[in-house]
């Protein structure tokens, strides 16, 4: 499974996950994504078969819903919430650990086919 970390996450997360052997890119690392809207990012990542990790459920959930309504498949979305997983320097190791586990669980798949998941820390 391949991931795209949306622009609200530190690129350090992608770097750490690549160090663990995963195929992960950060939106910060690609100039073509810096000026691209969410709908185009959604389409582009589906073409690249990348699961999108984002905190922007307000914009991406309707895109996923529209794809499902049209009976189109997509690689998947992983949402986070600032309430359960704040985007701070201190949570970078937690994000790396949780995403590493998710990637290991889906090592032999191309994504989370037509799935939406929430990344939440263990209690």
N, C-alpha and C. Protein backbone atom coordinates (compact mmCIF):
# COMPACT_ATOMS: atom_id res chain seq x y z
N UNK A 1 0.85 -1.17 0.00
CA UNK A 1 0.00 0.00 0.00
C UNK A 1 0.90 1.24 0.00
N UNK A 2 0.48 2.23 -0.75
CA UNK A 2 1.24 3.48 -0.86
C UNK A 2 0.40 4.61 -0.26
N UNK A 3 1.08 5.59 0.35
CA UNK A 3 0.38 6.70 0.99
C UNK A 3 0.82 8.05 0.44
N UNK A 4 -0.12 8.99 0.50
CA UNK A 4 0.17 10.41 0.35
C UNK A 4 -0.24 11.07 1.66
N UNK A 5 0.69 11.80 2.28
CA UNK A 5 0.36 12.59 3.46
C UNK A 5 -0.01 13.98 2.98
N UNK A 6 -1.21 14.41 3.31
CA UNK A 6 -1.70 15.72 2.88
C UNK A 6 -0.85 16.83 3.50
N UNK A 7 -1.03 18.02 2.99
CA UNK A 7 -0.16 19.15 3.32
C UNK A 7 -0.15 19.57 4.78
N UNK A 8 -1.13 19.16 5.57
CA UNK A 8 -1.17 19.61 6.96
C UNK A 8 -0.24 18.81 7.88
N UNK A 9 0.40 17.77 7.33
CA UNK A 9 1.31 16.95 8.13
C UNK A 9 2.77 17.28 7.83
N UNK A 10 3.59 17.12 8.82
CA UNK A 10 5.02 17.34 8.67
C UNK A 10 5.60 16.33 7.67
N UNK A 11 6.44 16.77 6.74
CA UNK A 11 7.10 15.83 5.83
C UNK A 11 8.02 14.86 6.56
N UNK A 12 8.36 15.19 7.79
CA UNK A 12 9.19 14.29 8.61
C UNK A 12 8.51 12.93 8.79
N UNK A 13 7.18 12.92 8.82
CA UNK A 13 6.45 11.66 8.96
C UNK A 13 6.71 10.77 7.76
N UNK A 14 6.63 11.35 6.56
CA UNK A 14 6.89 10.58 5.34
C UNK A 14 8.33 10.08 5.31
N UNK A 15 9.27 10.94 5.70
CA UNK A 15 10.68 10.54 5.73
C UNK A 15 10.89 9.35 6.66
N UNK A 16 10.31 9.41 7.86
CA UNK A 16 10.47 8.32 8.82
C UNK A 16 9.84 7.03 8.31
N UNK A 17 8.70 7.13 7.65
CA UNK A 17 8.05 5.93 7.12
C UNK A 17 8.85 5.34 5.96
N UNK A 18 9.45 6.19 5.15
CA UNK A 18 10.32 5.67 4.08
C UNK A 18 11.54 4.96 4.67
N UNK A 19 12.07 5.50 5.77
CA UNK A 19 13.20 4.84 6.45
C UNK A 19 12.81 3.45 6.93
N UNK A 20 11.52 3.23 7.16
CA UNK A 20 11.02 1.92 7.58
C UNK A 20 10.66 1.04 6.39
N UNK A 21 10.90 1.54 5.18
CA UNK A 21 10.70 0.75 3.98
C UNK A 21 9.37 0.93 3.28
N UNK A 22 8.61 1.95 3.64
CA UNK A 22 7.29 2.16 3.05
C UNK A 22 7.34 3.18 1.92
N UNK A 23 6.39 3.05 1.00
CA UNK A 23 6.25 3.98 -0.13
C UNK A 23 5.29 5.09 0.29
N UNK A 24 5.85 6.17 0.80
CA UNK A 24 5.05 7.28 1.33
C UNK A 24 5.64 8.58 0.81
N UNK A 25 4.74 9.46 0.34
CA UNK A 25 5.17 10.79 -0.08
C UNK A 25 4.39 11.83 0.72
N UNK A 26 4.99 12.98 0.84
CA UNK A 26 4.34 14.11 1.48
C UNK A 26 3.94 15.10 0.39
N UNK A 27 2.79 15.73 0.55
CA UNK A 27 2.37 16.75 -0.41
C UNK A 27 3.40 17.87 -0.50
N UNK A 28 4.16 18.07 0.58
CA UNK A 28 5.20 19.10 0.60
C UNK A 28 6.35 18.77 -0.35
N UNK A 29 6.50 17.51 -0.70
CA UNK A 29 7.62 17.08 -1.52
C UNK A 29 7.33 17.13 -3.02
N UNK A 30 6.10 17.43 -3.36
CA UNK A 30 5.72 17.45 -4.77
C UNK A 30 5.17 18.81 -5.15
N UNK A 31 5.89 19.50 -6.01
CA UNK A 31 5.46 20.82 -6.45
C UNK A 31 4.11 20.79 -7.14
N UNK A 32 3.81 19.69 -7.86
CA UNK A 32 2.53 19.63 -8.58
C UNK A 32 1.34 19.57 -7.63
N UNK A 33 1.54 19.19 -6.39
CA UNK A 33 0.43 19.11 -5.45
C UNK A 33 0.22 20.42 -4.69
N UNK A 34 1.21 21.29 -4.70
CA UNK A 34 1.13 22.54 -3.95
C UNK A 34 0.05 23.47 -4.49
N UNK A 35 -0.22 23.42 -5.76
CA UNK A 35 -1.20 24.32 -6.38
C UNK A 35 -2.43 23.57 -6.88
N UNK A 36 -2.64 22.38 -6.36
CA UNK A 36 -3.72 21.52 -6.84
C UNK A 36 -4.83 21.46 -5.80
N UNK A 37 -6.07 21.54 -6.26
CA UNK A 37 -7.23 21.45 -5.37
C UNK A 37 -7.47 20.02 -4.91
N UNK A 38 -8.30 19.89 -3.89
CA UNK A 38 -8.57 18.58 -3.29
C UNK A 38 -9.16 17.58 -4.28
N UNK A 39 -10.06 18.03 -5.13
CA UNK A 39 -10.68 17.12 -6.09
C UNK A 39 -9.64 16.55 -7.05
N UNK A 40 -8.74 17.40 -7.51
CA UNK A 40 -7.69 16.93 -8.42
C UNK A 40 -6.69 16.02 -7.68
N UNK A 41 -6.37 16.36 -6.44
CA UNK A 41 -5.49 15.49 -5.64
C UNK A 41 -6.13 14.12 -5.48
N UNK A 42 -7.44 14.10 -5.19
CA UNK A 42 -8.16 12.84 -5.03
C UNK A 42 -8.04 12.01 -6.31
N UNK A 43 -8.28 12.62 -7.45
CA UNK A 43 -8.20 11.89 -8.73
C UNK A 43 -6.77 11.43 -9.02
N UNK A 44 -5.81 12.33 -8.81
CA UNK A 44 -4.42 12.00 -9.10
C UNK A 44 -3.92 10.85 -8.23
N UNK A 45 -4.27 10.87 -6.97
CA UNK A 45 -3.82 9.81 -6.07
C UNK A 45 -4.51 8.49 -6.39
N UNK A 46 -5.72 8.54 -6.91
CA UNK A 46 -6.37 7.30 -7.32
C UNK A 46 -5.63 6.71 -8.52
N UNK A 47 -5.21 7.58 -9.42
CA UNK A 47 -4.42 7.13 -10.57
C UNK A 47 -3.10 6.51 -10.11
N UNK A 48 -2.49 7.10 -9.09
CA UNK A 48 -1.22 6.58 -8.56
C UNK A 48 -1.42 5.44 -7.56
N UNK A 49 -2.69 5.11 -7.27
CA UNK A 49 -3.05 4.06 -6.31
C UNK A 49 -2.46 4.35 -4.93
N UNK A 50 -2.60 5.59 -4.49
CA UNK A 50 -2.14 5.99 -3.17
C UNK A 50 -3.33 6.29 -2.27
N UNK A 51 -3.25 5.81 -1.05
CA UNK A 51 -4.22 6.15 -0.03
C UNK A 51 -3.85 7.54 0.49
N UNK A 52 -4.85 8.39 0.63
CA UNK A 52 -4.63 9.76 1.11
C UNK A 52 -4.84 9.80 2.61
N UNK A 53 -3.86 10.31 3.32
CA UNK A 53 -3.97 10.54 4.77
C UNK A 53 -4.20 12.03 4.94
N UNK A 54 -5.32 12.39 5.55
CA UNK A 54 -5.67 13.80 5.66
C UNK A 54 -6.48 14.09 6.91
N UNK A 55 -6.41 15.32 7.34
CA UNK A 55 -7.22 15.82 8.44
C UNK A 55 -8.45 16.54 7.88
N UNK A 56 -8.50 16.67 6.58
CA UNK A 56 -9.53 17.43 5.89
C UNK A 56 -10.71 16.55 5.48
N UNK A 57 -11.40 16.01 6.46
CA UNK A 57 -12.53 15.13 6.14
C UNK A 57 -13.70 15.91 5.54
N UNK A 58 -13.78 17.20 5.84
CA UNK A 58 -14.87 18.04 5.33
C UNK A 58 -14.86 18.08 3.80
N UNK A 59 -13.68 18.11 3.19
CA UNK A 59 -13.60 18.17 1.73
C UNK A 59 -13.42 16.80 1.08
N UNK A 60 -12.69 15.90 1.73
CA UNK A 60 -12.41 14.61 1.09
C UNK A 60 -13.52 13.58 1.25
N UNK A 61 -14.27 13.62 2.34
CA UNK A 61 -15.37 12.66 2.52
C UNK A 61 -16.41 12.78 1.41
N UNK A 62 -16.82 14.00 1.02
CA UNK A 62 -17.77 14.09 -0.10
C UNK A 62 -17.21 13.56 -1.43
N UNK A 63 -15.90 13.71 -1.64
CA UNK A 63 -15.29 13.17 -2.85
C UNK A 63 -15.37 11.65 -2.85
N UNK A 64 -15.10 11.05 -1.70
CA UNK A 64 -15.20 9.59 -1.59
C UNK A 64 -16.64 9.14 -1.77
N UNK A 65 -17.57 9.88 -1.17
CA UNK A 65 -18.99 9.55 -1.28
C UNK A 65 -19.43 9.62 -2.74
N UNK A 66 -19.01 10.66 -3.46
CA UNK A 66 -19.36 10.79 -4.87
C UNK A 66 -18.80 9.64 -5.69
N UNK A 67 -17.57 9.22 -5.38
CA UNK A 67 -16.98 8.08 -6.09
C UNK A 67 -17.78 6.81 -5.82
N UNK A 68 -18.18 6.61 -4.59
CA UNK A 68 -18.98 5.43 -4.25
C UNK A 68 -20.35 5.48 -4.93
N UNK A 69 -20.97 6.66 -4.94
CA UNK A 69 -22.27 6.82 -5.60
C UNK A 69 -22.17 6.49 -7.09
N UNK A 70 -21.04 6.84 -7.70
CA UNK A 70 -20.81 6.58 -9.12
C UNK A 70 -20.27 5.17 -9.36
N UNK A 71 -20.16 4.40 -8.29
CA UNK A 71 -19.62 3.03 -8.36
C UNK A 71 -18.20 2.98 -8.90
N UNK A 72 -17.44 4.02 -8.53
CA UNK A 72 -16.03 4.08 -8.90
C UNK A 72 -15.21 3.63 -7.70
N UNK A 73 -14.17 2.88 -7.95
CA UNK A 73 -13.31 2.48 -6.84
C UNK A 73 -12.27 3.56 -6.60
N UNK A 74 -11.73 3.58 -5.39
CA UNK A 74 -10.63 4.48 -5.07
C UNK A 74 -9.75 3.80 -4.05
N UNK A 75 -8.53 4.27 -3.94
CA UNK A 75 -7.53 3.58 -3.11
C UNK A 75 -7.80 3.68 -1.63
N UNK A 76 -8.49 4.72 -1.22
CA UNK A 76 -8.86 4.84 0.18
C UNK A 76 -8.44 6.17 0.78
N UNK A 77 -9.04 6.45 1.91
CA UNK A 77 -8.75 7.65 2.69
C UNK A 77 -8.52 7.24 4.13
N UNK A 78 -7.56 7.87 4.76
CA UNK A 78 -7.33 7.71 6.19
C UNK A 78 -7.44 9.10 6.80
N UNK A 79 -8.41 9.26 7.68
CA UNK A 79 -8.63 10.54 8.32
C UNK A 79 -8.03 10.57 9.72
N UNK A 80 -7.61 11.75 10.13
CA UNK A 80 -7.21 11.97 11.51
C UNK A 80 -8.03 13.12 12.06
N UNK A 81 -8.05 13.21 13.37
CA UNK A 81 -8.78 14.29 14.04
C UNK A 81 -7.82 14.99 15.00
N UNK A 82 -7.89 16.31 15.01
CA UNK A 82 -7.04 17.07 15.94
C UNK A 82 -7.39 16.78 17.39
N UNK A 83 -8.59 16.34 17.62
CA UNK A 83 -9.01 16.03 18.99
C UNK A 83 -8.29 14.79 19.52
N UNK A 84 -8.23 13.73 18.72
CA UNK A 84 -7.60 12.50 19.19
C UNK A 84 -6.12 12.39 18.82
N UNK A 85 -5.71 13.12 17.79
CA UNK A 85 -4.34 13.03 17.32
C UNK A 85 -3.90 14.41 16.83
N UNK A 86 -3.60 15.32 17.77
CA UNK A 86 -3.23 16.69 17.38
C UNK A 86 -1.99 16.69 16.48
N UNK A 87 -1.95 17.64 15.57
CA UNK A 87 -0.82 17.75 14.64
C UNK A 87 0.25 18.63 15.26
N UNK A 88 1.05 18.02 16.11
CA UNK A 88 2.13 18.73 16.78
C UNK A 88 3.43 17.96 16.59
N UNK A 89 4.53 18.60 16.89
CA UNK A 89 5.84 17.93 16.79
C UNK A 89 5.89 16.70 17.70
N UNK A 90 5.22 16.79 18.85
CA UNK A 90 5.23 15.67 19.80
C UNK A 90 4.47 14.44 19.28
N UNK A 91 3.52 14.64 18.37
CA UNK A 91 2.76 13.49 17.87
C UNK A 91 3.35 12.87 16.62
N UNK A 92 4.44 13.43 16.10
CA UNK A 92 5.06 12.84 14.91
C UNK A 92 5.43 11.37 15.15
N UNK A 93 6.09 11.01 16.26
CA UNK A 93 6.39 9.60 16.47
C UNK A 93 5.15 8.72 16.57
N UNK A 94 4.08 9.25 17.14
CA UNK A 94 2.83 8.49 17.25
C UNK A 94 2.24 8.25 15.85
N UNK A 95 2.24 9.30 15.02
CA UNK A 95 1.74 9.15 13.65
C UNK A 95 2.56 8.12 12.88
N UNK A 96 3.88 8.19 13.04
CA UNK A 96 4.75 7.23 12.35
C UNK A 96 4.41 5.81 12.80
N UNK A 97 4.28 5.62 14.09
CA UNK A 97 3.98 4.28 14.62
C UNK A 97 2.63 3.77 14.11
N UNK A 98 1.60 4.60 14.18
CA UNK A 98 0.27 4.17 13.75
C UNK A 98 0.21 3.90 12.25
N UNK A 99 0.84 4.75 11.46
CA UNK A 99 0.84 4.53 10.01
C UNK A 99 1.71 3.34 9.62
N UNK A 100 2.81 3.13 10.34
CA UNK A 100 3.64 1.94 10.11
C UNK A 100 2.82 0.68 10.34
N UNK A 101 2.05 0.65 11.41
CA UNK A 101 1.20 -0.51 11.69
C UNK A 101 0.16 -0.72 10.59
N UNK A 102 -0.47 0.37 10.16
CA UNK A 102 -1.47 0.28 9.09
C UNK A 102 -0.84 -0.24 7.80
N UNK A 103 0.32 0.29 7.46
CA UNK A 103 1.00 -0.15 6.24
C UNK A 103 1.42 -1.61 6.33
N UNK A 104 1.86 -2.05 7.48
CA UNK A 104 2.23 -3.46 7.65
C UNK A 104 1.00 -4.37 7.53
N UNK A 105 -0.14 -3.92 8.06
CA UNK A 105 -1.38 -4.71 7.97
C UNK A 105 -1.82 -4.88 6.52
N UNK A 106 -1.52 -3.89 5.69
CA UNK A 106 -1.96 -3.91 4.30
C UNK A 106 -0.78 -4.01 3.33
N UNK A 107 0.26 -4.66 3.79
CA UNK A 107 1.50 -4.78 3.01
C UNK A 107 1.25 -5.37 1.62
N UNK A 108 0.36 -6.33 1.52
CA UNK A 108 0.14 -7.03 0.26
C UNK A 108 -1.06 -6.52 -0.52
N UNK A 109 -1.58 -5.36 -0.14
CA UNK A 109 -2.71 -4.80 -0.87
C UNK A 109 -2.31 -3.50 -1.53
N UNK A 110 -3.09 -3.08 -2.49
CA UNK A 110 -2.79 -1.84 -3.20
C UNK A 110 -3.42 -0.63 -2.53
N UNK A 111 -4.18 -0.83 -1.50
CA UNK A 111 -4.82 0.28 -0.82
C UNK A 111 -5.87 -0.21 0.15
N UNK A 112 -6.73 0.68 0.49
CA UNK A 112 -7.91 0.35 1.28
C UNK A 112 -9.08 0.48 0.31
N UNK A 113 -9.29 -0.51 -0.53
CA UNK A 113 -10.24 -0.35 -1.62
C UNK A 113 -11.59 0.21 -1.16
N UNK A 114 -11.92 1.33 -1.74
CA UNK A 114 -13.15 2.06 -1.45
C UNK A 114 -13.44 2.16 0.05
N UNK A 115 -12.39 2.32 0.81
CA UNK A 115 -12.55 2.36 2.26
C UNK A 115 -12.13 3.70 2.83
N UNK A 116 -12.79 4.03 3.91
CA UNK A 116 -12.42 5.20 4.69
C UNK A 116 -12.11 4.70 6.08
N UNK A 117 -10.95 5.06 6.59
CA UNK A 117 -10.54 4.64 7.93
C UNK A 117 -10.18 5.88 8.75
N UNK A 118 -10.25 5.73 10.05
CA UNK A 118 -9.83 6.79 10.98
C UNK A 118 -8.61 6.30 11.71
N UNK A 119 -7.59 7.11 11.76
CA UNK A 119 -6.37 6.79 12.49
C UNK A 119 -6.52 7.36 13.89
N UNK A 120 -6.51 6.48 14.86
CA UNK A 120 -6.68 6.93 16.25
C UNK A 120 -5.61 6.27 17.11
N UNK A 121 -5.12 7.00 18.10
CA UNK A 121 -4.10 6.41 18.99
C UNK A 121 -4.72 5.35 19.89
N UNK A 122 -3.86 4.44 20.31
CA UNK A 122 -4.30 3.44 21.29
C UNK A 122 -4.45 4.09 22.64
N UNK A 123 -5.35 3.64 23.40
CA UNK A 123 -5.57 4.19 24.75
C UNK A 123 -4.95 3.31 25.79
